[in-house]
């Protein structure tokens, strides 16, 4: 049985509220879980103390037992110092795509041509 530490959604429409739970990965997102570790309220300010309330010892115990946190929960646990998470980096994502590169090359050529015409 593969265990996940994940968020289970609650709250009203457009007012999310999450519980941090340990669940079997085959169970539905809001379905059966093994243990509740804490709560996460994304609507509160990022520097608010009660935005994330979590039992650190239980989380570390479940991780030691082999439970894998999801990406979002790993980010939250890293913020609390429970686990160390490597930041994701995709440097190619910020580069312009093919058409934008072609437009930039055409603009540079036009600017060069205008500068050469102005110089002569």
C-alpha atoms as a PDB file:
ATOM      1  CA  UNK A   1       0.000   0.000   0.000  1.00  0.00           C
ATOM      2  CA  UNK A   2       1.523   3.321  -1.052  1.00  0.00           C
ATOM      3  CA  UNK A   3       0.795   6.138   1.343  1.00  0.00           C
ATOM      4  CA  UNK A   4       0.550   9.797   0.422  1.00  0.00           C
ATOM      5  CA  UNK A   5       0.552  12.881   2.577  1.00  0.00           C
ATOM      6  CA  UNK A   6      -1.826  15.104   0.660  1.00  0.00           C
ATOM      7  CA  UNK A   7      -4.457  17.809   0.852  1.00  0.00           C
ATOM      8  CA  UNK A   8      -8.125  16.918   1.212  1.00  0.00           C
ATOM      9  CA  UNK A   9     -10.413  19.750   0.133  1.00  0.00           C
ATOM     10  CA  UNK A  10     -13.252  21.091   2.200  1.00  0.00           C
ATOM     11  CA  UNK A  11     -15.002  24.413   2.458  1.00  0.00           C
ATOM     12  CA  UNK A  12     -17.603  26.067   0.290  1.00  0.00           C
ATOM     13  CA  UNK A  13     -17.509  26.880  -3.393  1.00  0.00           C
ATOM     14  CA  UNK A  14     -14.686  29.361  -4.129  1.00  0.00           C
ATOM     15  CA  UNK A  15     -13.704  29.269  -0.423  1.00  0.00           C
ATOM     16  CA  UNK A  16     -11.214  26.381  -0.215  1.00  0.00           C
ATOM     17  CA  UNK A  17     -10.061  24.878   3.040  1.00  0.00           C
ATOM     18  CA  UNK A  18      -7.765  21.869   3.169  1.00  0.00           C
ATOM     19  CA  UNK A  19      -6.905  19.143   5.652  1.00  0.00           C
ATOM     20  CA  UNK A  20      -3.423  17.642   5.496  1.00  0.00           C
ATOM     21  CA  UNK A  21      -4.036  13.897   5.649  1.00  0.00           C
ATOM     22  CA  UNK A  22      -2.229  10.601   5.250  1.00  0.00           C
ATOM     23  CA  UNK A  23      -4.160   8.429   2.817  1.00  0.00           C
ATOM     24  CA  UNK A  24      -3.787   5.399   0.612  1.00  0.00           C
ATOM     25  CA  UNK A  25      -2.944   6.698  -2.854  1.00  0.00           C
ATOM     26  CA  UNK A  26      -5.805   4.675  -4.363  1.00  0.00           C
ATOM     27  CA  UNK A  27      -8.472   6.483  -2.321  1.00  0.00           C
ATOM     28  CA  UNK A  28     -10.300   9.555  -3.678  1.00  0.00           C
ATOM     29  CA  UNK A  29      -8.958  13.021  -2.878  1.00  0.00           C
ATOM     30  CA  UNK A  30     -11.681  13.824  -0.359  1.00  0.00           C
ATOM     31  CA  UNK A  31     -12.359  10.216   0.569  1.00  0.00           C
ATOM     32  CA  UNK A  32     -11.097   7.846   3.207  1.00  0.00           C
ATOM     33  CA  UNK A  33      -7.872   8.719   4.988  1.00  0.00           C
ATOM     34  CA  UNK A  34      -5.756   7.119   7.681  1.00  0.00           C
ATOM     35  CA  UNK A  35      -4.857  10.099   9.850  1.00  0.00           C
ATOM     36  CA  UNK A  36      -5.293  13.857   9.842  1.00  0.00           C
ATOM     37  CA  UNK A  37      -2.040  15.755  10.394  1.00  0.00           C
ATOM     38  CA  UNK A  38      -3.253  19.338  10.236  1.00  0.00           C
ATOM     39  CA  UNK A  39      -5.046  22.039   8.302  1.00  0.00           C
ATOM     40  CA  UNK A  40      -4.145  24.503   5.542  1.00  0.00           C
ATOM     41  CA  UNK A  41      -6.151  27.647   4.821  1.00  0.00           C
ATOM     42  CA  UNK A  42      -4.918  29.266   1.566  1.00  0.00           C
ATOM     43  CA  UNK A  43      -7.196  32.288   1.996  1.00  0.00           C
ATOM     44  CA  UNK A  44      -5.255  33.559   5.000  1.00  0.00           C
ATOM     45  CA  UNK A  45      -2.215  35.799   4.581  1.00  0.00           C
ATOM     46  CA  UNK A  46       1.068  34.037   3.825  1.00  0.00           C
ATOM     47  CA  UNK A  47       2.656  35.359   7.006  1.00  0.00           C
ATOM     48  CA  UNK A  48      -0.313  34.341   9.172  1.00  0.00           C
ATOM     49  CA  UNK A  49       0.584  31.853  11.898  1.00  0.00           C
ATOM     50  CA  UNK A  50      -2.606  29.833  11.530  1.00  0.00           C
ATOM     51  CA  UNK A  51      -2.484  29.499   7.736  1.00  0.00           C
ATOM     52  CA  UNK A  52      -0.851  26.082   8.192  1.00  0.00           C
ATOM     53  CA  UNK A  53      -1.330  24.181  11.440  1.00  0.00           C
ATOM     54  CA  UNK A  54       0.502  20.860  11.395  1.00  0.00           C
ATOM     55  CA  UNK A  55       1.696  18.219  13.849  1.00  0.00           C
ATOM     56  CA  UNK A  56       5.413  18.060  12.960  1.00  0.00           C
ATOM     57  CA  UNK A  57       6.144  14.854  14.885  1.00  0.00           C
ATOM     58  CA  UNK A  58       3.328  12.934  13.201  1.00  0.00           C
ATOM     59  CA  UNK A  59       4.429  14.158   9.765  1.00  0.00           C
ATOM     60  CA  UNK A  60       8.023  13.086  10.362  1.00  0.00           C
ATOM     61  CA  UNK A  61       6.852   9.722  11.707  1.00  0.00           C
ATOM     62  CA  UNK A  62       4.734   9.061   8.601  1.00  0.00           C
ATOM     63  CA  UNK A  63       7.585  10.101   6.302  1.00  0.00           C
ATOM     64  CA  UNK A  64       9.854   7.705   8.202  1.00  0.00           C
ATOM     65  CA  UNK A  65       7.269   4.956   7.600  1.00  0.00           C
ATOM     66  CA  UNK A  66       7.444   5.629   3.851  1.00  0.00           C
ATOM     67  CA  UNK A  67       4.590   8.060   3.173  1.00  0.00           C
ATOM     68  CA  UNK A  68       5.372  10.321   0.215  1.00  0.00           C
ATOM     69  CA  UNK A  69       4.218  13.941   0.357  1.00  0.00           C
ATOM     70  CA  UNK A  70       2.672  15.421  -2.777  1.00  0.00           C
ATOM     71  CA  UNK A  71       4.425  18.382  -4.418  1.00  0.00           C
ATOM     72  CA  UNK A  72       2.260  21.004  -2.693  1.00  0.00           C
ATOM     73  CA  UNK A  73       2.524  19.324   0.719  1.00  0.00           C
ATOM     74  CA  UNK A  74       6.293  18.945   0.278  1.00  0.00           C
ATOM     75  CA  UNK A  75       6.491  22.691  -0.369  1.00  0.00           C
ATOM     76  CA  UNK A  76       4.446  23.382   2.783  1.00  0.00           C
ATOM     77  CA  UNK A  77       6.553  20.992   4.877  1.00  0.00           C
ATOM     78  CA  UNK A  78       9.724  22.594   3.545  1.00  0.00           C
ATOM     79  CA  UNK A  79       8.435  25.990   4.623  1.00  0.00           C
ATOM     80  CA  UNK A  80       8.021  24.649   8.158  1.00  0.00           C
ATOM     81  CA  UNK A  81      11.415  22.946   8.137  1.00  0.00           C
ATOM     82  CA  UNK A  82      10.037  19.411   8.472  1.00  0.00           C
ATOM     83  CA  UNK A  83      11.707  18.134   5.282  1.00  0.00           C
ATOM     84  CA  UNK A  84      14.216  19.501   2.782  1.00  0.00           C
ATOM     85  CA  UNK A  85      12.870  19.916  -0.748  1.00  0.00           C
ATOM     86  CA  UNK A  86      14.967  20.631  -3.795  1.00  0.00           C
ATOM     87  CA  UNK A  87      13.563  23.578  -5.762  1.00  0.00           C
ATOM     88  CA  UNK A  88      12.406  22.770  -9.265  1.00  0.00           C
ATOM     89  CA  UNK A  89      14.203  24.577 -12.044  1.00  0.00           C
ATOM     90  CA  UNK A  90      13.317  24.674 -15.714  1.00  0.00           C
ATOM     91  CA  UNK A  91      15.524  27.345 -17.300  1.00  0.00           C
ATOM     92  CA  UNK A  92      14.230  26.612 -20.820  1.00  0.00           C
ATOM     93  CA  UNK A  93      10.677  27.552 -19.816  1.00  0.00           C
ATOM     94  CA  UNK A  94      11.520  31.269 -19.635  1.00  0.00           C
ATOM     95  CA  UNK A  95      13.138  31.366 -23.075  1.00  0.00           C
ATOM     96  CA  UNK A  96      11.124  32.814 -25.982  1.00  0.00           C
ATOM     97  CA  UNK A  97       9.531  30.288 -28.303  1.00  0.00           C
ATOM     98  CA  UNK A  98      10.384  29.854 -32.008  1.00  0.00           C
ATOM     99  CA  UNK A  99       8.084  32.547 -33.439  1.00  0.00           C
ATOM    100  CA  UNK A 100       9.186  35.111 -30.857  1.00  0.00           C
ATOM    101  CA  UNK A 101      12.840  34.370 -31.657  1.00  0.00           C
ATOM    102  CA  UNK A 102      12.110  34.854 -35.380  1.00  0.00           C
ATOM    103  CA  UNK A 103      10.370  38.192 -34.686  1.00  0.00           C
ATOM    104  CA  UNK A 104      13.287  39.353 -32.521  1.00  0.00           C
ATOM    105  CA  UNK A 105      15.788  38.392 -35.247  1.00  0.00           C
ATOM    106  CA  UNK A 106      13.714  40.253 -37.874  1.00  0.00           C
ATOM    107  CA  UNK A 107      13.516  43.340 -35.648  1.00  0.00           C
ATOM    108  CA  UNK A 108      17.270  43.253 -35.041  1.00  0.00           C
ATOM    109  CA  UNK A 109      17.910  42.970 -38.798  1.00  0.00           C
ATOM    110  CA  UNK A 110      15.570  45.897 -39.493  1.00  0.00           C
ATOM    111  CA  UNK A 111      17.290  47.999 -36.819  1.00  0.00           C
ATOM    112  CA  UNK A 112      20.692  47.145 -38.294  1.00  0.00           C
ATOM    113  CA  UNK A 113      19.490  48.091 -41.768  1.00  0.00           C
ATOM    114  CA  UNK A 114      18.084  51.406 -40.479  1.00  0.00           C
ATOM    115  CA  UNK A 115      21.327  52.186 -38.657  1.00  0.00           C
ATOM    116  CA  UNK A 116      23.349  51.428 -41.814  1.00  0.00           C
ATOM    117  CA  UNK A 117      21.047  53.685 -43.900  1.00  0.00           C
ATOM    118  CA  UNK A 118      21.353  56.498 -41.353  1.00  0.00           C
ATOM    119  CA  UNK A 119      25.162  56.207 -41.320  1.00  0.00           C
ATOM    120  CA  UNK A 120      25.485  56.575 -45.103  1.00  0.00           C
END
